[in-house]
Amino acid sequence: PVSEYVLRPGDVITLSNVMIIYGE
């Protein structure tokens, strides 16, 4: 769980039940 997070390539974000991958 996070409230504020600096994103890095490959991070897997989960918003409730929705999965999101951050890339560059």
PDB file of all heavy atoms in Angstrom:
ATOM      1  N   PRO A   1       0.830  -1.208   0.000  1.00  0.00           N
ATOM      2  CA  PRO A   1       0.000   0.000   0.000  1.00  0.00           C
ATOM      3  C   PRO A   1       0.867   1.262   0.000  1.00  0.00           C
ATOM      4  O   PRO A   1       1.886   1.324   0.685  1.00  0.00           O
ATOM      5  CB  PRO A   1      -0.796  -0.116   1.312  1.00  0.00           C
ATOM      6  CG  PRO A   1      -0.719  -1.558   1.696  1.00  0.00           C
ATOM      7  CD  PRO A   1       0.600  -2.048   1.191  1.00  0.00           C
ATOM      8  N   VAL A   2       0.471   2.267  -0.760  1.00  0.00           N
ATOM      9  CA  VAL A   2       1.221   3.518  -0.838  1.00  0.00           C
ATOM     10  C   VAL A   2       0.247   4.690  -0.791  1.00  0.00           C
ATOM     11  O   VAL A   2      -0.915   4.580  -1.169  1.00  0.00           O
ATOM     12  CB  VAL A   2       2.064   3.601  -2.135  1.00  0.00           C
ATOM     13  CG1 VAL A   2       3.081   2.465  -2.198  1.00  0.00           C
ATOM     14  CG2 VAL A   2       1.175   3.597  -3.370  1.00  0.00           C
ATOM     15  N   SER A   3       0.742   5.815  -0.324  1.00  0.00           N
ATOM     16  CA  SER A   3      -0.007   7.060  -0.420  1.00  0.00           C
ATOM     17  C   SER A   3       0.660   7.999  -1.409  1.00  0.00           C
ATOM     18  O   SER A   3       0.002   8.820  -2.049  1.00  0.00           O
ATOM     19  CB  SER A   3      -0.113   7.733   0.953  1.00  0.00           C
ATOM     20  OG  SER A   3       1.178   7.996   1.477  1.00  0.00           O
ATOM     21  N   GLU A   4       1.981   7.863  -1.553  1.00  0.00           N
ATOM     22  CA  GLU A   4       2.759   8.665  -2.497  1.00  0.00           C
ATOM     23  C   GLU A   4       3.984   7.848  -2.879  1.00  0.00           C
ATOM     24  O   GLU A   4       4.692   7.337  -2.012  1.00  0.00           O
ATOM     25  CB  GLU A   4       3.162   9.984  -1.846  1.00  0.00           C
ATOM     26  CG  GLU A   4       3.916  10.926  -2.741  1.00  0.00           C
ATOM     27  CD  GLU A   4       4.147  12.274  -2.066  1.00  0.00           C
ATOM     28  OE1 GLU A   4       3.306  12.689  -1.239  1.00  0.00           O
ATOM     29  OE2 GLU A   4       5.164  12.916  -2.365  1.00  0.00           O
ATOM     30  N   TYR A   5       4.249   7.734  -4.194  1.00  0.00           N
ATOM     31  CA  TYR A   5       5.300   6.802  -4.620  1.00  0.00           C
ATOM     32  C   TYR A   5       5.919   7.282  -5.926  1.00  0.00           C
ATOM     33  O   TYR A   5       5.205   7.593  -6.876  1.00  0.00           O
ATOM     34  CB  TYR A   5       4.709   5.400  -4.801  1.00  0.00           C
ATOM     35  CG  TYR A   5       5.717   4.337  -5.175  1.00  0.00           C
ATOM     36  CD1 TYR A   5       6.404   3.628  -4.194  1.00  0.00           C
ATOM     37  CD2 TYR A   5       5.978   4.045  -6.500  1.00  0.00           C
ATOM     38  CE1 TYR A   5       7.336   2.647  -4.534  1.00  0.00           C
ATOM     39  CE2 TYR A   5       6.897   3.074  -6.853  1.00  0.00           C
ATOM     40  CZ  TYR A   5       7.583   2.371  -5.867  1.00  0.00           C
ATOM     41  OH  TYR A   5       8.491   1.412  -6.207  1.00  0.00           O
ATOM     42  N   VAL A   6       7.266   7.338  -5.974  1.00  0.00           N
ATOM     43  CA  VAL A   6       7.984   7.694  -7.200  1.00  0.00           C
ATOM     44  C   VAL A   6       8.070   6.453  -8.077  1.00  0.00           C
ATOM     45  O   VAL A   6       8.664   5.443  -7.677  1.00  0.00           O
ATOM     46  CB  VAL A   6       9.395   8.224  -6.882  1.00  0.00           C
ATOM     47  CG1 VAL A   6      10.134   8.552  -8.185  1.00  0.00           C
ATOM     48  CG2 VAL A   6       9.317   9.457  -5.996  1.00  0.00           C
ATOM     49  N   LEU A   7       7.465   6.517  -9.257  1.00  0.00           N
ATOM     50  CA  LEU A   7       7.357   5.334 -10.118  1.00  0.00           C
ATOM     51  C   LEU A   7       8.671   5.021 -10.825  1.00  0.00           C
ATOM     52  O   LEU A   7       9.401   5.920 -11.249  1.00  0.00           O
ATOM     53  CB  LEU A   7       6.250   5.555 -11.149  1.00  0.00           C
ATOM     54  CG  LEU A   7       4.828   5.619 -10.568  1.00  0.00           C
ATOM     55  CD1 LEU A   7       3.843   6.096 -11.627  1.00  0.00           C
ATOM     56  CD2 LEU A   7       4.408   4.253 -10.028  1.00  0.00           C
ATOM     57  N   ARG A   8       8.913   3.718 -10.976  1.00  0.00           N
ATOM     58  CA  ARG A   8      10.082   3.208 -11.700  1.00  0.00           C
ATOM     59  C   ARG A   8       9.604   2.214 -12.760  1.00  0.00           C
ATOM     60  O   ARG A   8       8.571   1.555 -12.571  1.00  0.00           O
ATOM     61  CB  ARG A   8      11.048   2.511 -10.746  1.00  0.00           C
ATOM     62  CG  ARG A   8      11.645   3.432  -9.687  1.00  0.00           C
ATOM     63  CD  ARG A   8      12.725   4.324 -10.281  1.00  0.00           C
ATOM     64  NE  ARG A   8      13.382   5.127  -9.264  1.00  0.00           N
ATOM     65  CZ  ARG A   8      13.100   6.383  -8.993  1.00  0.00           C
ATOM     66  NH1 ARG A   8      12.119   6.962  -9.667  1.00  0.00           N
ATOM     67  NH2 ARG A   8      13.743   7.058  -8.067  1.00  0.00           N
ATOM     68  N   PRO A   9      10.324   2.097 -13.871  1.00  0.00           N
ATOM     69  CA  PRO A   9       9.901   1.155 -14.917  1.00  0.00           C
ATOM     70  C   PRO A   9       9.704  -0.250 -14.365  1.00  0.00           C
ATOM     71  O   PRO A   9      10.527  -0.747 -13.593  1.00  0.00           O
ATOM     72  CB  PRO A   9      11.066   1.200 -15.922  1.00  0.00           C
ATOM     73  CG  PRO A   9      11.694   2.536 -15.712  1.00  0.00           C
ATOM     74  CD  PRO A   9      11.559   2.831 -14.253  1.00  0.00           C
ATOM     75  N   GLY A  10       8.592  -0.875 -14.741  1.00  0.00           N
ATOM     76  CA  GLY A  10       8.289  -2.224 -14.285  1.00  0.00           C
ATOM     77  C   GLY A  10       7.437  -2.273 -13.038  1.00  0.00           C
ATOM     78  O   GLY A  10       7.000  -3.364 -12.643  1.00  0.00           O
ATOM     79  N   ASP A  11       7.175  -1.132 -12.402  1.00  0.00           N
ATOM     80  CA  ASP A  11       6.317  -1.127 -11.220  1.00  0.00           C
ATOM     81  C   ASP A  11       4.915  -1.603 -11.586  1.00  0.00           C
ATOM     82  O   ASP A  11       4.363  -1.208 -12.621  1.00  0.00           O
ATOM     83  CB  ASP A  11       6.226   0.276 -10.614  1.00  0.00           C
ATOM     84  CG  ASP A  11       7.443   0.637  -9.789  1.00  0.00           C
ATOM     85  OD1 ASP A  11       8.139  -0.284  -9.326  1.00  0.00           O
ATOM     86  OD2 ASP A  11       7.699   1.839  -9.606  1.00  0.00           O
ATOM     87  N   VAL A  12       4.353  -2.439 -10.732  1.00  0.00           N
ATOM     88  CA  VAL A  12       2.986  -2.928 -10.924  1.00  0.00           C
ATOM     89  C   VAL A  12       2.077  -2.176  -9.954  1.00  0.00           C
ATOM     90  O   VAL A  12       2.197  -2.313  -8.743  1.00  0.00           O
ATOM     91  CB  VAL A  12       2.890  -4.449 -10.676  1.00  0.00           C
ATOM     92  CG1 VAL A  12       1.440  -4.912 -10.835  1.00  0.00           C
ATOM     93  CG2 VAL A  12       3.802  -5.202 -11.644  1.00  0.00           C
ATOM     94  N   ILE A  13       1.189  -1.367 -10.516  1.00  0.00           N
ATOM     95  CA  ILE A  13       0.240  -0.577  -9.729  1.00  0.00           C
ATOM     96  C   ILE A  13      -1.082  -1.330  -9.674  1.00  0.00           C
ATOM     97  O   ILE A  13      -1.564  -1.811 -10.700  1.00  0.00           O
ATOM     98  CB  ILE A  13       0.026   0.805 -10.376  1.00  0.00           C
ATOM     99  CG1 ILE A  13       1.357   1.535 -10.568  1.00  0.00           C
ATOM    100  CG2 ILE A  13      -0.946   1.645  -9.567  1.00  0.00           C
ATOM    101  CD1 ILE A  13       1.260   2.741 -11.488  1.00  0.00           C
ATOM    102  N   THR A  14      -1.663  -1.416  -8.492  1.00  0.00           N
ATOM    103  CA  THR A  14      -2.980  -2.021  -8.351  1.00  0.00           C
ATOM    104  C   THR A  14      -3.923  -1.003  -7.732  1.00  0.00           C
ATOM    105  O   THR A  14      -3.699  -0.553  -6.603  1.00  0.00           O
ATOM    106  CB  THR A  14      -2.935  -3.281  -7.466  1.00  0.00           C
ATOM    107  OG1 THR A  14      -1.945  -4.177  -7.974  1.00  0.00           O
ATOM    108  CG2 THR A  14      -4.279  -3.984  -7.465  1.00  0.00           C
ATOM    109  N   LEU A  15      -4.942  -0.611  -8.492  1.00  0.00           N
ATOM    110  CA  LEU A  15      -5.977   0.274  -7.992  1.00  0.00           C
ATOM    111  C   LEU A  15      -7.205  -0.578  -7.733  1.00  0.00           C
ATOM    112  O   LEU A  15      -7.911  -0.957  -8.672  1.00  0.00           O
ATOM    113  CB  LEU A  15      -6.287   1.389  -8.996  1.00  0.00           C
ATOM    114  CG  LEU A  15      -5.094   2.265  -9.431  1.00  0.00           C
ATOM    115  CD1 LEU A  15      -5.568   3.395 -10.324  1.00  0.00           C
ATOM    116  CD2 LEU A  15      -4.322   2.800  -8.224  1.00  0.00           C
ATOM    117  N   SER A  16      -7.415  -0.940  -6.478  1.00  0.00           N
ATOM    118  CA  SER A  16      -8.460  -1.886  -6.092  1.00  0.00           C
ATOM    119  C   SER A  16      -8.195  -3.215  -6.791  1.00  0.00           C
ATOM    120  O   SER A  16      -7.252  -3.906  -6.456  1.00  0.00           O
ATOM    121  CB  SER A  16      -9.849  -1.334  -6.408  1.00  0.00           C
ATOM    122  OG  SER A  16     -10.844  -2.156  -5.840  1.00  0.00           O
ATOM    123  N   ASN A  17      -8.989  -3.581  -7.819  1.00  0.00           N
ATOM    124  CA  ASN A  17      -8.765  -4.844  -8.519  1.00  0.00           C
ATOM    125  C   ASN A  17      -8.249  -4.642  -9.940  1.00  0.00           C
ATOM    126  O   ASN A  17      -8.246  -5.583 -10.734  1.00  0.00           O
ATOM    127  CB  ASN A  17     -10.060  -5.660  -8.560  1.00  0.00           C
ATOM    128  CG  ASN A  17     -11.152  -4.963  -9.362  1.00  0.00           C
ATOM    129  OD1 ASN A  17     -11.102  -3.744  -9.542  1.00  0.00           O
ATOM    130  ND2 ASN A  17     -12.131  -5.711  -9.829  1.00  0.00           N
ATOM    131  N   VAL A  18      -7.809  -3.432 -10.282  1.00  0.00           N
ATOM    132  CA  VAL A  18      -7.317  -3.137 -11.625  1.00  0.00           C
ATOM    133  C   VAL A  18      -5.791  -3.083 -11.599  1.00  0.00           C
ATOM    134  O   VAL A  18      -5.201  -2.312 -10.835  1.00  0.00           O
ATOM    135  CB  VAL A  18      -7.880  -1.798 -12.146  1.00  0.00           C
ATOM    136  CG1 VAL A  18      -7.290  -1.471 -13.512  1.00  0.00           C
ATOM    137  CG2 VAL A  18      -9.400  -1.863 -12.219  1.00  0.00           C
ATOM    138  N   MET A  19      -5.148  -3.901 -12.437  1.00  0.00           N
ATOM    139  CA  MET A  19      -3.686  -3.957 -12.476  1.00  0.00           C
ATOM    140  C   MET A  19      -3.161  -3.087 -13.610  1.00  0.00           C
ATOM    141  O   MET A  19      -3.639  -3.152 -14.745  1.00  0.00           O
ATOM    142  CB  MET A  19      -3.201  -5.394 -12.665  1.00  0.00           C
ATOM    143  CG  MET A  19      -1.689  -5.524 -12.493  1.00  0.00           C
ATOM    144  SD  MET A  19      -1.081  -7.216 -12.710  1.00  0.00           S
ATOM    145  CE  MET A  19      -1.234  -7.398 -14.485  1.00  0.00           C
ATOM    146  N   ILE A  20      -2.143  -2.279 -13.276  1.00  0.00           N
ATOM    147  CA  ILE A  20      -1.544  -1.352 -14.231  1.00  0.00           C
ATOM    148  C   ILE A  20      -0.034  -1.495 -14.148  1.00  0.00           C
ATOM    149  O   ILE A  20       0.536  -1.555 -13.055  1.00  0.00           O
ATOM    150  CB  ILE A  20      -1.944   0.105 -13.904  1.00  0.00           C
ATOM    151  CG1 ILE A  20      -3.471   0.256 -13.911  1.00  0.00           C
ATOM    152  CG2 ILE A  20      -1.310   1.072 -14.877  1.00  0.00           C
ATOM    153  CD1 ILE A  20      -3.945   1.586 -13.370  1.00  0.00           C
ATOM    154  N   ILE A  21       0.627  -1.554 -15.289  1.00  0.00           N
ATOM    155  CA  ILE A  21       2.084  -1.611 -15.332  1.00  0.00           C
ATOM    156  C   ILE A  21       2.609  -0.266 -15.823  1.00  0.00           C
ATOM    157  O   ILE A  21       2.132   0.273 -16.826  1.00  0.00           O
ATOM    158  CB  ILE A  21       2.581  -2.741 -16.246  1.00  0.00           C
ATOM    159  CG1 ILE A  21       2.147  -4.091 -15.685  1.00  0.00           C
ATOM    160  CG2 ILE A  21       4.106  -2.700 -16.384  1.00  0.00           C
ATOM    161  CD1 ILE A  21       2.508  -5.270 -16.570  1.00  0.00           C
ATOM    162  N   TYR A  22       3.603   0.263 -15.108  1.00  0.00           N
ATOM    163  CA  TYR A  22       4.245   1.513 -15.508  1.00  0.00           C
ATOM    164  C   TYR A  22       5.534   1.190 -16.245  1.00  0.00           C
ATOM    165  O   TYR A  22       6.342   0.365 -15.780  1.00  0.00           O
ATOM    166  CB  TYR A  22       4.554   2.371 -14.284  1.00  0.00           C
ATOM    167  CG  TYR A  22       5.403   3.585 -14.604  1.00  0.00           C
ATOM    168  CD1 TYR A  22       4.827   4.742 -15.123  1.00  0.00           C
ATOM    169  CD2 TYR A  22       6.778   3.570 -14.394  1.00  0.00           C
ATOM    170  CE1 TYR A  22       5.604   5.845 -15.424  1.00  0.00           C
ATOM    171  CE2 TYR A  22       7.562   4.671 -14.687  1.00  0.00           C
ATOM    172  CZ  TYR A  22       6.973   5.811 -15.201  1.00  0.00           C
ATOM    173  OH  TYR A  22       7.746   6.901 -15.502  1.00  0.00           O
ATOM    174  N   GLY A  23       5.734   1.839 -17.397  1.00  0.00           N
ATOM    175  CA  GLY A  23       6.948   1.603 -18.166  1.00  0.00           C
ATOM    176  C   GLY A  23       7.504   2.881 -18.753  1.00  0.00           C
ATOM    177  O   GLY A  23       6.846   3.923 -18.794  1.00  0.00           O
ATOM    178  N   GLU A  24       8.730   2.806 -19.223  1.00  0.00           N
ATOM    179  CA  GLU A  24       9.396   3.916 -19.898  1.00  0.00           C
ATOM    180  C   GLU A  24      10.181   3.368 -21.071  1.00  0.00           C
ATOM    181  O   GLU A  24      10.614   2.231 -21.059  1.00  0.00           O
ATOM    182  CB  GLU A  24      10.360   4.632 -18.940  1.00  0.00           C
ATOM    183  CG  GLU A  24       9.709   5.267 -17.739  1.00  0.00           C
ATOM    184  CD  GLU A  24      10.731   5.796 -16.731  1.00  0.00           C
ATOM    185  OE1 GLU A  24      11.946   5.685 -17.018  1.00  0.00           O
ATOM    186  OE2 GLU A  24      10.321   6.291 -15.673  1.00  0.00           O
TER     187      GLU A  24
END
